[in-house]
């Protein structure tokens, strides 16, 4: 039957299935985000503000069309709850800040610092999970957490300055993940309302760009137009994957899985002309040793459960 089959018998099939599904969804989201710098690099002639505005605007249009086709435009029950709308406003604010700072970083050729922000994010996520959701770490996971934290803290000190971009990205996305974990509504519903809230802001931003320098849409060729239109789907899909995954797995696991995205971002940075220095190498060695310890902890736990099942 194997370890997975035994786990399903001993811990409950539905719980394990949801855990597996959540892990796969989160992995898919982080892989998607990890390779997105290639996409945004194709729009590097546009300002960060303009790209962010397009992402918001076409995300809203894309999700609206999706809901229209599915016949699920009725969101009144979602927004009539004051607590719901306040939470969504908070989530939309965190998302808007995160998108803007990330795109500005990529546009300015600062992919490395942006990716470091997503190395700090898991620490924030794990911390939030322990504080607000009372999630526990075993001894091996504590060791892994200390290793990755040491790597990140070492890198911050090696910079000789406070990496504000990295910290803003980490805190905003960590809080967005906590919001998604506690939100009592479907991923599509919450994203639809988030994008609707941000949509007017994106239109104002595009009007400002048009007045000052002219927007790129319909002015720089069909390829750029297609990339701009698809930026909505490119933004929406991984966020929905992330939202669905977050509901199914502990925030601690969300945190450790998050290291997939910044690792791929850094490889993306290298392929786009970036470089590593010795401090980054030391940081990533510490982080990946920590991830190896975390993986070992999970394998060890599975083997113990497997052995316990065989002894009964």
C-alpha atoms as a PDB file:
ATOM      1  CA  UNK A   1       0.000   0.000   0.000  1.00  0.00           C
ATOM      2  CA  UNK A   2       2.903   2.366   0.747  1.00  0.00           C
ATOM      3  CA  UNK A   3       3.302   5.248   3.156  1.00  0.00           C
ATOM      4  CA  UNK A   4       0.636   7.466   1.590  1.00  0.00           C
ATOM      5  CA  UNK A   5      -1.950   4.728   1.656  1.00  0.00           C
ATOM      6  CA  UNK A   6      -1.179   3.901   5.292  1.00  0.00           C
ATOM      7  CA  UNK A   7      -1.408   7.548   6.281  1.00  0.00           C
ATOM      8  CA  UNK A   8      -4.834   7.772   4.722  1.00  0.00           C
ATOM      9  CA  UNK A   9      -5.981   4.805   6.816  1.00  0.00           C
ATOM     10  CA  UNK A  10      -4.445   6.015  10.074  1.00  0.00           C
ATOM     11  CA  UNK A  11      -5.221   9.738   9.908  1.00  0.00           C
ATOM     12  CA  UNK A  12      -8.346   9.845   7.801  1.00  0.00           C
ATOM     13  CA  UNK A  13      -8.477   9.807   4.015  1.00  0.00           C
ATOM     14  CA  UNK A  14     -10.209  13.148   3.595  1.00  0.00           C
ATOM     15  CA  UNK A  15      -7.706  15.016   5.764  1.00  0.00           C
ATOM     16  CA  UNK A  16      -4.688  13.551   3.993  1.00  0.00           C
ATOM     17  CA  UNK A  17      -6.249  14.081   0.561  1.00  0.00           C
ATOM     18  CA  UNK A  18      -6.910  17.741   1.382  1.00  0.00           C
ATOM     19  CA  UNK A  19      -3.337  18.117   2.666  1.00  0.00           C
ATOM     20  CA  UNK A  20      -1.959  16.633  -0.555  1.00  0.00           C
ATOM     21  CA  UNK A  21      -4.245  18.760  -2.708  1.00  0.00           C
ATOM     22  CA  UNK A  22      -3.308  21.890  -0.782  1.00  0.00           C
ATOM     23  CA  UNK A  23       0.398  21.114  -1.101  1.00  0.00           C
ATOM     24  CA  UNK A  24       0.088  20.599  -4.868  1.00  0.00           C
ATOM     25  CA  UNK A  25      -1.932  23.794  -5.294  1.00  0.00           C
ATOM     26  CA  UNK A  26       0.582  25.814  -3.289  1.00  0.00           C
ATOM     27  CA  UNK A  27       3.512  24.302  -5.201  1.00  0.00           C
ATOM     28  CA  UNK A  28       1.875  25.176  -8.521  1.00  0.00           C
ATOM     29  CA  UNK A  29       1.276  28.763  -7.358  1.00  0.00           C
ATOM     30  CA  UNK A  30       4.882  29.235  -6.245  1.00  0.00           C
ATOM     31  CA  UNK A  31       6.346  27.721  -9.418  1.00  0.00           C
ATOM     32  CA  UNK A  32       4.129  30.074 -11.429  1.00  0.00           C
ATOM     33  CA  UNK A  33       5.307  33.106  -9.432  1.00  0.00           C
ATOM     34  CA  UNK A  34       8.910  31.949  -9.645  1.00  0.00           C
ATOM     35  CA  UNK A  35       9.000  32.153 -13.445  1.00  0.00           C
ATOM     36  CA  UNK A  36       6.880  35.317 -13.777  1.00  0.00           C
ATOM     37  CA  UNK A  37       9.914  37.677 -13.924  1.00  0.00           C
ATOM     38  CA  UNK A  38      10.385  36.431 -17.510  1.00  0.00           C
ATOM     39  CA  UNK A  39       6.857  37.617 -18.292  1.00  0.00           C
ATOM     40  CA  UNK A  40       7.234  41.036 -16.669  1.00  0.00           C
ATOM     41  CA  UNK A  41      10.615  41.464 -18.328  1.00  0.00           C
ATOM     42  CA  UNK A  42       8.815  41.417 -21.701  1.00  0.00           C
ATOM     43  CA  UNK A  43       6.996  44.538 -20.501  1.00  0.00           C
ATOM     44  CA  UNK A  44      10.138  46.206 -19.130  1.00  0.00           C
ATOM     45  CA  UNK A  45       9.633  49.308 -21.298  1.00  0.00           C
ATOM     46  CA  UNK A  46       6.498  50.115 -19.289  1.00  0.00           C
ATOM     47  CA  UNK A  47       6.628  51.801 -15.893  1.00  0.00           C
ATOM     48  CA  UNK A  48       5.935  49.781 -12.756  1.00  0.00           C
ATOM     49  CA  UNK A  49       2.819  51.828 -12.044  1.00  0.00           C
ATOM     50  CA  UNK A  50       1.417  51.157 -15.517  1.00  0.00           C
ATOM     51  CA  UNK A  51       2.077  47.398 -15.334  1.00  0.00           C
ATOM     52  CA  UNK A  52       0.471  47.172 -11.894  1.00  0.00           C
ATOM     53  CA  UNK A  53      -2.565  49.120 -13.120  1.00  0.00           C
ATOM     54  CA  UNK A  54      -2.953  46.730 -16.079  1.00  0.00           C
ATOM     55  CA  UNK A  55      -2.656  43.717 -13.766  1.00  0.00           C
ATOM     56  CA  UNK A  56      -5.451  45.019 -11.562  1.00  0.00           C
ATOM     57  CA  UNK A  57      -7.696  46.166 -14.393  1.00  0.00           C
ATOM     58  CA  UNK A  58      -7.450  43.000 -16.463  1.00  0.00           C
ATOM     59  CA  UNK A  59      -7.661  40.780 -13.377  1.00  0.00           C
ATOM     60  CA  UNK A  60     -11.006  42.402 -12.640  1.00  0.00           C
ATOM     61  CA  UNK A  61     -12.169  42.036 -16.262  1.00  0.00           C
ATOM     62  CA  UNK A  62     -10.999  38.400 -16.399  1.00  0.00           C
ATOM     63  CA  UNK A  63     -12.706  37.360 -13.158  1.00  0.00           C
ATOM     64  CA  UNK A  64     -15.870  39.275 -14.164  1.00  0.00           C
ATOM     65  CA  UNK A  65     -16.041  37.382 -17.482  1.00  0.00           C
ATOM     66  CA  UNK A  66     -15.398  34.095 -15.657  1.00  0.00           C
ATOM     67  CA  UNK A  67     -18.219  34.733 -13.170  1.00  0.00           C
ATOM     68  CA  UNK A  68     -20.520  35.906 -15.959  1.00  0.00           C
ATOM     69  CA  UNK A  69     -19.968  32.667 -17.889  1.00  0.00           C
ATOM     70  CA  UNK A  70     -20.483  30.611 -14.719  1.00  0.00           C
ATOM     71  CA  UNK A  71     -23.585  32.607 -13.762  1.00  0.00           C
ATOM     72  CA  UNK A  72     -22.155  33.550 -10.372  1.00  0.00           C
ATOM     73  CA  UNK A  73     -22.182  37.330 -10.455  1.00  0.00           C
ATOM     74  CA  UNK A  74     -24.351  37.587  -7.338  1.00  0.00           C
ATOM     75  CA  UNK A  75     -21.877  38.608  -4.628  1.00  0.00           C
ATOM     76  CA  UNK A  76     -24.380  40.431  -2.437  1.00  0.00           C
ATOM     77  CA  UNK A  77     -24.238  37.814   0.303  1.00  0.00           C
ATOM     78  CA  UNK A  78     -20.477  38.248   0.450  1.00  0.00           C
ATOM     79  CA  UNK A  79     -20.359  42.029   0.722  1.00  0.00           C
ATOM     80  CA  UNK A  80     -23.427  42.558   2.939  1.00  0.00           C
ATOM     81  CA  UNK A  81     -21.475  41.135   5.895  1.00  0.00           C
ATOM     82  CA  UNK A  82     -19.548  44.099   7.341  1.00  0.00           C
ATOM     83  CA  UNK A  83     -16.835  41.846   8.758  1.00  0.00           C
ATOM     84  CA  UNK A  84     -16.354  40.251   5.342  1.00  0.00           C
ATOM     85  CA  UNK A  85     -16.003  43.550   3.539  1.00  0.00           C
ATOM     86  CA  UNK A  86     -13.522  44.915   6.109  1.00  0.00           C
ATOM     87  CA  UNK A  87     -11.390  41.789   5.742  1.00  0.00           C
ATOM     88  CA  UNK A  88     -11.531  42.013   1.951  1.00  0.00           C
ATOM     89  CA  UNK A  89     -10.559  45.696   2.085  1.00  0.00           C
ATOM     90  CA  UNK A  90      -7.575  44.733   4.205  1.00  0.00           C
ATOM     91  CA  UNK A  91      -6.626  41.916   1.803  1.00  0.00           C
ATOM     92  CA  UNK A  92      -6.979  44.193  -1.215  1.00  0.00           C
ATOM     93  CA  UNK A  93      -4.746  46.808   0.423  1.00  0.00           C
ATOM     94  CA  UNK A  94      -2.024  44.236   1.186  1.00  0.00           C
ATOM     95  CA  UNK A  95      -2.260  42.842  -2.339  1.00  0.00           C
ATOM     96  CA  UNK A  96      -2.130  46.264  -3.985  1.00  0.00           C
ATOM     97  CA  UNK A  97       0.953  47.331  -2.022  1.00  0.00           C
ATOM     98  CA  UNK A  98       2.664  44.007  -2.718  1.00  0.00           C
ATOM     99  CA  UNK A  99       2.034  44.120  -6.476  1.00  0.00           C
ATOM    100  CA  UNK A 100       3.167  47.731  -6.791  1.00  0.00           C
ATOM    101  CA  UNK A 101       6.409  47.271  -4.864  1.00  0.00           C
ATOM    102  CA  UNK A 102       7.254  44.031  -6.685  1.00  0.00           C
ATOM    103  CA  UNK A 103       6.666  45.418 -10.176  1.00  0.00           C
ATOM    104  CA  UNK A 104       8.634  48.590  -9.356  1.00  0.00           C
ATOM    105  CA  UNK A 105      11.521  46.403  -8.189  1.00  0.00           C
ATOM    106  CA  UNK A 106      11.477  44.267 -11.341  1.00  0.00           C
ATOM    107  CA  UNK A 107      11.171  47.366 -13.547  1.00  0.00           C
ATOM    108  CA  UNK A 108      14.204  48.895 -11.824  1.00  0.00           C
ATOM    109  CA  UNK A 109      16.250  45.712 -12.333  1.00  0.00           C
ATOM    110  CA  UNK A 110      16.122  44.874  -8.633  1.00  0.00           C
ATOM    111  CA  UNK A 111      14.874  41.284  -8.931  1.00  0.00           C
ATOM    112  CA  UNK A 112      17.348  40.061  -6.301  1.00  0.00           C
ATOM    113  CA  UNK A 113      16.001  42.273  -3.511  1.00  0.00           C
ATOM    114  CA  UNK A 114      12.445  41.459  -4.576  1.00  0.00           C
ATOM    115  CA  UNK A 115      13.203  37.738  -4.391  1.00  0.00           C
ATOM    116  CA  UNK A 116      14.807  38.207  -0.975  1.00  0.00           C
ATOM    117  CA  UNK A 117      11.488  39.680   0.136  1.00  0.00           C
ATOM    118  CA  UNK A 118       9.900  36.348  -0.681  1.00  0.00           C
ATOM    119  CA  UNK A 119      12.613  34.572   1.320  1.00  0.00           C
ATOM    120  CA  UNK A 120      11.585  36.637   4.331  1.00  0.00           C
ATOM    121  CA  UNK A 121       7.856  36.031   3.721  1.00  0.00           C
ATOM    122  CA  UNK A 122       7.906  32.386   4.939  1.00  0.00           C
ATOM    123  CA  UNK A 123       9.352  33.503   8.265  1.00  0.00           C
ATOM    124  CA  UNK A 124       6.507  35.993   8.576  1.00  0.00           C
ATOM    125  CA  UNK A 125       3.953  33.313   7.576  1.00  0.00           C
ATOM    126  CA  UNK A 126       5.279  30.759  10.068  1.00  0.00           C
ATOM    127  CA  UNK A 127       5.366  33.388  12.812  1.00  0.00           C
ATOM    128  CA  UNK A 128       1.783  34.490  12.044  1.00  0.00           C
ATOM    129  CA  UNK A 129       0.634  30.857  12.032  1.00  0.00           C
ATOM    130  CA  UNK A 130       2.119  30.259  15.479  1.00  0.00           C
ATOM    131  CA  UNK A 131       0.813  33.514  16.968  1.00  0.00           C
ATOM    132  CA  UNK A 132      -2.685  33.815  15.495  1.00  0.00           C
ATOM    133  CA  UNK A 133      -3.575  30.217  14.555  1.00  0.00           C
ATOM    134  CA  UNK A 134      -1.736  28.483  17.430  1.00  0.00           C
ATOM    135  CA  UNK A 135       0.119  26.171  15.035  1.00  0.00           C
ATOM    136  CA  UNK A 136       2.928  24.133  16.600  1.00  0.00           C
ATOM    137  CA  UNK A 137       6.443  23.287  15.401  1.00  0.00           C
ATOM    138  CA  UNK A 138       8.180  20.061  16.366  1.00  0.00           C
ATOM    139  CA  UNK A 139      11.881  20.063  17.285  1.00  0.00           C
ATOM    140  CA  UNK A 140      13.032  19.370  13.717  1.00  0.00           C
ATOM    141  CA  UNK A 141      10.820  22.121  12.343  1.00  0.00           C
ATOM    142  CA  UNK A 142      12.146  24.538  14.972  1.00  0.00           C
ATOM    143  CA  UNK A 143      15.684  23.681  13.840  1.00  0.00           C
ATOM    144  CA  UNK A 144      14.683  24.259  10.209  1.00  0.00           C
ATOM    145  CA  UNK A 145      13.031  27.569  11.104  1.00  0.00           C
ATOM    146  CA  UNK A 146      16.157  28.743  12.968  1.00  0.00           C
ATOM    147  CA  UNK A 147      18.386  27.816  10.012  1.00  0.00           C
ATOM    148  CA  UNK A 148      16.345  29.698   7.423  1.00  0.00           C
ATOM    149  CA  UNK A 149      15.935  32.643   9.799  1.00  0.00           C
ATOM    150  CA  UNK A 150      19.695  32.738  10.353  1.00  0.00           C
ATOM    151  CA  UNK A 151      20.257  32.783   6.596  1.00  0.00           C
ATOM    152  CA  UNK A 152      17.856  35.656   6.063  1.00  0.00           C
ATOM    153  CA  UNK A 153      19.137  37.679   9.041  1.00  0.00           C
ATOM    154  CA  UNK A 154      22.722  37.166   7.839  1.00  0.00           C
ATOM    155  CA  UNK A 155      21.803  38.515   4.414  1.00  0.00           C
ATOM    156  CA  UNK A 156      20.046  41.560   5.873  1.00  0.00           C
ATOM    157  CA  UNK A 157      23.137  42.424   7.932  1.00  0.00           C
ATOM    158  CA  UNK A 158      25.415  41.805   4.935  1.00  0.00           C
ATOM    159  CA  UNK A 159      23.568  44.501   3.002  1.00  0.00           C
ATOM    160  CA  UNK A 160      24.589  47.117   5.535  1.00  0.00           C
ATOM    161  CA  UNK A 161      21.171  48.722   5.239  1.00  0.00           C
ATOM    162  CA  UNK A 162      17.544  47.956   5.952  1.00  0.00           C
ATOM    163  CA  UNK A 163      16.084  46.197   2.850  1.00  0.00           C
ATOM    164  CA  UNK A 164      12.781  48.071   2.884  1.00  0.00           C
ATOM    165  CA  UNK A 165      11.601  46.556  -0.413  1.00  0.00           C
ATOM    166  CA  UNK A 166      12.145  43.016   0.893  1.00  0.00           C
ATOM    167  CA  UNK A 167      10.466  43.734   4.218  1.00  0.00           C
ATOM    168  CA  UNK A 168       7.430  45.414   2.635  1.00  0.00           C
ATOM    169  CA  UNK A 169       6.942  42.474   0.268  1.00  0.00           C
ATOM    170  CA  UNK A 170       7.324  39.977   3.114  1.00  0.00           C
ATOM    171  CA  UNK A 171       4.955  41.643   5.565  1.00  0.00           C
ATOM    172  CA  UNK A 172       2.223  42.454   3.030  1.00  0.00           C
ATOM    173  CA  UNK A 173       2.141  38.974   1.507  1.00  0.00           C
ATOM    174  CA  UNK A 174       2.433  37.264   4.886  1.00  0.00           C
ATOM    175  CA  UNK A 175      -0.606  39.206   6.102  1.00  0.00           C
ATOM    176  CA  UNK A 176      -2.438  38.451   2.831  1.00  0.00           C
ATOM    177  CA  UNK A 177      -1.831  34.731   3.424  1.00  0.00           C
ATOM    178  CA  UNK A 178      -3.189  34.982   6.977  1.00  0.00           C
ATOM    179  CA  UNK A 179      -6.268  36.784   5.649  1.00  0.00           C
ATOM    180  CA  UNK A 180      -6.843  34.047   3.052  1.00  0.00           C
ATOM    181  CA  UNK A 181      -6.425  31.363   5.708  1.00  0.00           C
ATOM    182  CA  UNK A 182      -9.138  32.877   7.903  1.00  0.00           C
ATOM    183  CA  UNK A 183     -11.541  34.082   5.183  1.00  0.00           C
ATOM    184  CA  UNK A 184     -14.863  32.205   5.183  1.00  0.00           C
ATOM    185  CA  UNK A 185     -15.681  32.470   1.487  1.00  0.00           C
ATOM    186  CA  UNK A 186     -14.588  30.933  -1.797  1.00  0.00           C
ATOM    187  CA  UNK A 187     -11.338  31.995  -3.448  1.00  0.00           C
ATOM    188  CA  UNK A 188     -13.115  33.220  -6.565  1.00  0.00           C
ATOM    189  CA  UNK A 189     -15.575  35.321  -4.539  1.00  0.00           C
ATOM    190  CA  UNK A 190     -12.904  36.979  -2.420  1.00  0.00           C
ATOM    191  CA  UNK A 191     -10.643  37.664  -5.411  1.00  0.00           C
ATOM    192  CA  UNK A 192     -13.572  39.117  -7.370  1.00  0.00           C
ATOM    193  CA  UNK A 193     -14.333  41.609  -4.604  1.00  0.00           C
ATOM    194  CA  UNK A 194     -10.620  42.395  -4.047  1.00  0.00           C
ATOM    195  CA  UNK A 195     -10.109  43.176  -7.728  1.00  0.00           C
ATOM    196  CA  UNK A 196     -13.349  45.199  -7.830  1.00  0.00           C
ATOM    197  CA  UNK A 197     -12.061  47.331  -4.950  1.00  0.00           C
ATOM    198  CA  UNK A 198      -8.702  47.898  -6.666  1.00  0.00           C
ATOM    199  CA  UNK A 199     -10.182  48.428 -10.155  1.00  0.00           C
ATOM    200  CA  UNK A 200     -11.086  52.154  -9.750  1.00  0.00           C
ATOM    201  CA  UNK A 201      -7.582  52.827  -8.406  1.00  0.00           C
ATOM    202  CA  UNK A 202      -6.067  51.140 -11.475  1.00  0.00           C
ATOM    203  CA  UNK A 203      -8.196  53.282 -13.814  1.00  0.00           C
ATOM    204  CA  UNK A 204      -7.094  56.469 -12.032  1.00  0.00           C
ATOM    205  CA  UNK A 205      -3.466  55.346 -12.309  1.00  0.00           C
ATOM    206  CA  UNK A 206      -3.830  54.653 -16.052  1.00  0.00           C
ATOM    207  CA  UNK A 207      -5.442  58.065 -16.595  1.00  0.00           C
ATOM    208  CA  UNK A 208      -2.499  59.688 -14.784  1.00  0.00           C
ATOM    209  CA  UNK A 209      -0.012  57.742 -16.943  1.00  0.00           C
ATOM    210  CA  UNK A 210      -1.906  58.727 -20.088  1.00  0.00           C
ATOM    211  CA  UNK A 211      -1.845  62.418 -19.136  1.00  0.00           C
ATOM    212  CA  UNK A 212       1.873  62.405 -18.286  1.00  0.00           C
ATOM    213  CA  UNK A 213       3.481  60.132 -20.882  1.00  0.00           C
ATOM    214  CA  UNK A 214       0.827  58.091 -22.673  1.00  0.00           C
ATOM    215  CA  UNK A 215      -0.143  54.487 -21.977  1.00  0.00           C
ATOM    216  CA  UNK A 216       1.345  51.611 -23.934  1.00  0.00           C
ATOM    217  CA  UNK A 217      -1.902  49.737 -24.596  1.00  0.00           C
ATOM    218  CA  UNK A 218      -2.833  49.878 -28.316  1.00  0.00           C
ATOM    219  CA  UNK A 219       0.284  51.972 -28.981  1.00  0.00           C
ATOM    220  CA  UNK A 220       3.233  49.533 -28.993  1.00  0.00           C
ATOM    221  CA  UNK A 221       2.118  46.656 -31.168  1.00  0.00           C
ATOM    222  CA  UNK A 222      -0.096  43.612 -30.955  1.00  0.00           C
ATOM    223  CA  UNK A 223       2.364  41.523 -28.906  1.00  0.00           C
ATOM    224  CA  UNK A 224       2.488  44.101 -26.100  1.00  0.00           C
ATOM    225  CA  UNK A 225      -1.317  44.392 -26.203  1.00  0.00           C
ATOM    226  CA  UNK A 226      -1.690  40.596 -25.849  1.00  0.00           C
ATOM    227  CA  UNK A 227       0.786  40.508 -22.943  1.00  0.00           C
ATOM    228  CA  UNK A 228      -1.087  43.335 -21.217  1.00  0.00           C
ATOM    229  CA  UNK A 229      -4.477  41.634 -21.650  1.00  0.00           C
ATOM    230  CA  UNK A 230      -3.126  38.277 -20.432  1.00  0.00           C
ATOM    231  CA  UNK A 231      -1.538  39.946 -17.386  1.00  0.00           C
ATOM    232  CA  UNK A 232      -4.953  39.609 -15.751  1.00  0.00           C
ATOM    233  CA  UNK A 233      -5.034  35.828 -16.077  1.00  0.00           C
ATOM    234  CA  UNK A 234      -1.316  35.604 -15.262  1.00  0.00           C
ATOM    235  CA  UNK A 235      -2.055  37.439 -12.018  1.00  0.00           C
ATOM    236  CA  UNK A 236      -5.367  35.796 -11.160  1.00  0.00           C
ATOM    237  CA  UNK A 237      -4.536  32.091 -11.648  1.00  0.00           C
ATOM    238  CA  UNK A 238      -1.646  31.756  -9.143  1.00  0.00           C
ATOM    239  CA  UNK A 239      -3.552  33.846  -6.588  1.00  0.00           C
ATOM    240  CA  UNK A 240      -6.530  31.477  -6.831  1.00  0.00           C
ATOM    241  CA  UNK A 241      -4.184  28.486  -6.529  1.00  0.00           C
ATOM    242  CA  UNK A 242      -2.580  30.117  -3.483  1.00  0.00           C
ATOM    243  CA  UNK A 243      -5.942  30.878  -1.902  1.00  0.00           C
ATOM    244  CA  UNK A 244      -7.248  27.326  -2.363  1.00  0.00           C
ATOM    245  CA  UNK A 245      -3.992  25.826  -1.129  1.00  0.00           C
ATOM    246  CA  UNK A 246      -3.841  28.049   1.958  1.00  0.00           C
ATOM    247  CA  UNK A 247      -7.255  26.813   3.086  1.00  0.00           C
ATOM    248  CA  UNK A 248      -6.110  23.188   3.028  1.00  0.00           C
ATOM    249  CA  UNK A 249      -2.711  23.224   4.746  1.00  0.00           C
ATOM    250  CA  UNK A 250      -1.244  24.764   7.920  1.00  0.00           C
ATOM    251  CA  UNK A 251       0.338  28.197   7.561  1.00  0.00           C
ATOM    252  CA  UNK A 252       3.624  26.632   8.717  1.00  0.00           C
ATOM    253  CA  UNK A 253       3.680  24.410   5.612  1.00  0.00           C
ATOM    254  CA  UNK A 254       2.643  27.381   3.483  1.00  0.00           C
ATOM    255  CA  UNK A 255       5.712  29.147   4.845  1.00  0.00           C
ATOM    256  CA  UNK A 256       8.204  26.444   3.991  1.00  0.00           C
ATOM    257  CA  UNK A 257       6.729  25.844   0.523  1.00  0.00           C
ATOM    258  CA  UNK A 258       7.105  29.555  -0.208  1.00  0.00           C
ATOM    259  CA  UNK A 259      10.837  29.091  -0.758  1.00  0.00           C
ATOM    260  CA  UNK A 260      10.080  27.608  -4.179  1.00  0.00           C
ATOM    261  CA  UNK A 261       9.130  30.992  -5.679  1.00  0.00           C
ATOM    262  CA  UNK A 262      12.115  33.133  -4.646  1.00  0.00           C
ATOM    263  CA  UNK A 263      14.548  30.369  -5.579  1.00  0.00           C
ATOM    264  CA  UNK A 264      13.122  30.266  -9.089  1.00  0.00           C
ATOM    265  CA  UNK A 265      13.101  34.082  -9.133  1.00  0.00           C
ATOM    266  CA  UNK A 266      16.803  34.143  -8.389  1.00  0.00           C
ATOM    267  CA  UNK A 267      17.524  31.692 -11.196  1.00  0.00           C
ATOM    268  CA  UNK A 268      15.352  33.910 -13.380  1.00  0.00           C
ATOM    269  CA  UNK A 269      17.465  36.875 -12.298  1.00  0.00           C
ATOM    270  CA  UNK A 270      20.658  35.049 -13.295  1.00  0.00           C
ATOM    271  CA  UNK A 271      19.222  34.217 -16.703  1.00  0.00           C
ATOM    272  CA  UNK A 272      18.170  37.855 -17.146  1.00  0.00           C
ATOM    273  CA  UNK A 273      21.699  39.090 -16.443  1.00  0.00           C
ATOM    274  CA  UNK A 274      21.846  39.224 -12.645  1.00  0.00           C
ATOM    275  CA  UNK A 275      24.593  37.764 -10.469  1.00  0.00           C
ATOM    276  CA  UNK A 276      25.217  36.072  -7.107  1.00  0.00           C
ATOM    277  CA  UNK A 277      27.644  37.312  -4.466  1.00  0.00           C
ATOM    278  CA  UNK A 278      29.202  35.363  -1.603  1.00  0.00           C
ATOM    279  CA  UNK A 279      26.683  36.673   0.953  1.00  0.00           C
ATOM    280  CA  UNK A 280      23.777  35.458  -1.153  1.00  0.00           C
ATOM    281  CA  UNK A 281      25.417  32.059  -1.561  1.00  0.00           C
ATOM    282  CA  UNK A 282      25.882  31.718   2.228  1.00  0.00           C
ATOM    283  CA  UNK A 283      22.265  32.801   2.756  1.00  0.00           C
ATOM    284  CA  UNK A 284      20.858  30.291   0.292  1.00  0.00           C
ATOM    285  CA  UNK A 285      23.004  27.444   1.647  1.00  0.00           C
ATOM    286  CA  UNK A 286      21.612  28.070   5.139  1.00  0.00           C
ATOM    287  CA  UNK A 287      18.068  28.308   3.804  1.00  0.00           C
ATOM    288  CA  UNK A 288      18.296  25.100   1.814  1.00  0.00           C
ATOM    289  CA  UNK A 289      19.869  23.207   4.699  1.00  0.00           C
ATOM    290  CA  UNK A 290      16.864  24.370   6.720  1.00  0.00           C
ATOM    291  CA  UNK A 291      14.499  23.142   4.016  1.00  0.00           C
ATOM    292  CA  UNK A 292      16.310  19.792   3.931  1.00  0.00           C
ATOM    293  CA  UNK A 293      15.805  19.501   7.709  1.00  0.00           C
ATOM    294  CA  UNK A 294      12.106  20.340   7.300  1.00  0.00           C
ATOM    295  CA  UNK A 295      11.734  17.719   4.545  1.00  0.00           C
ATOM    296  CA  UNK A 296      13.544  15.140   6.704  1.00  0.00           C
ATOM    297  CA  UNK A 297      11.135  15.952   9.542  1.00  0.00           C
ATOM    298  CA  UNK A 298       8.136  15.180   7.332  1.00  0.00           C
ATOM    299  CA  UNK A 299       9.650  11.938   6.011  1.00  0.00           C
ATOM    300  CA  UNK A 300      10.541  10.860   9.549  1.00  0.00           C
ATOM    301  CA  UNK A 301       6.991  11.555  10.738  1.00  0.00           C
ATOM    302  CA  UNK A 302       5.516   9.556   7.837  1.00  0.00           C
ATOM    303  CA  UNK A 303       7.795   6.590   8.552  1.00  0.00           C
ATOM    304  CA  UNK A 304       6.833   6.602  12.236  1.00  0.00           C
ATOM    305  CA  UNK A 305       3.153   6.556  11.335  1.00  0.00           C
ATOM    306  CA  UNK A 306       3.787   3.781   8.813  1.00  0.00           C
ATOM    307  CA  UNK A 307       5.671   1.699  11.405  1.00  0.00           C
ATOM    308  CA  UNK A 308       2.957   2.313  13.996  1.00  0.00           C
ATOM    309  CA  UNK A 309       0.264   1.100  11.589  1.00  0.00           C
ATOM    310  CA  UNK A 310       2.226  -2.087  10.837  1.00  0.00           C
ATOM    311  CA  UNK A 311       2.621  -2.834  14.555  1.00  0.00           C
ATOM    312  CA  UNK A 312      -1.123  -2.659  15.239  1.00  0.00           C
END
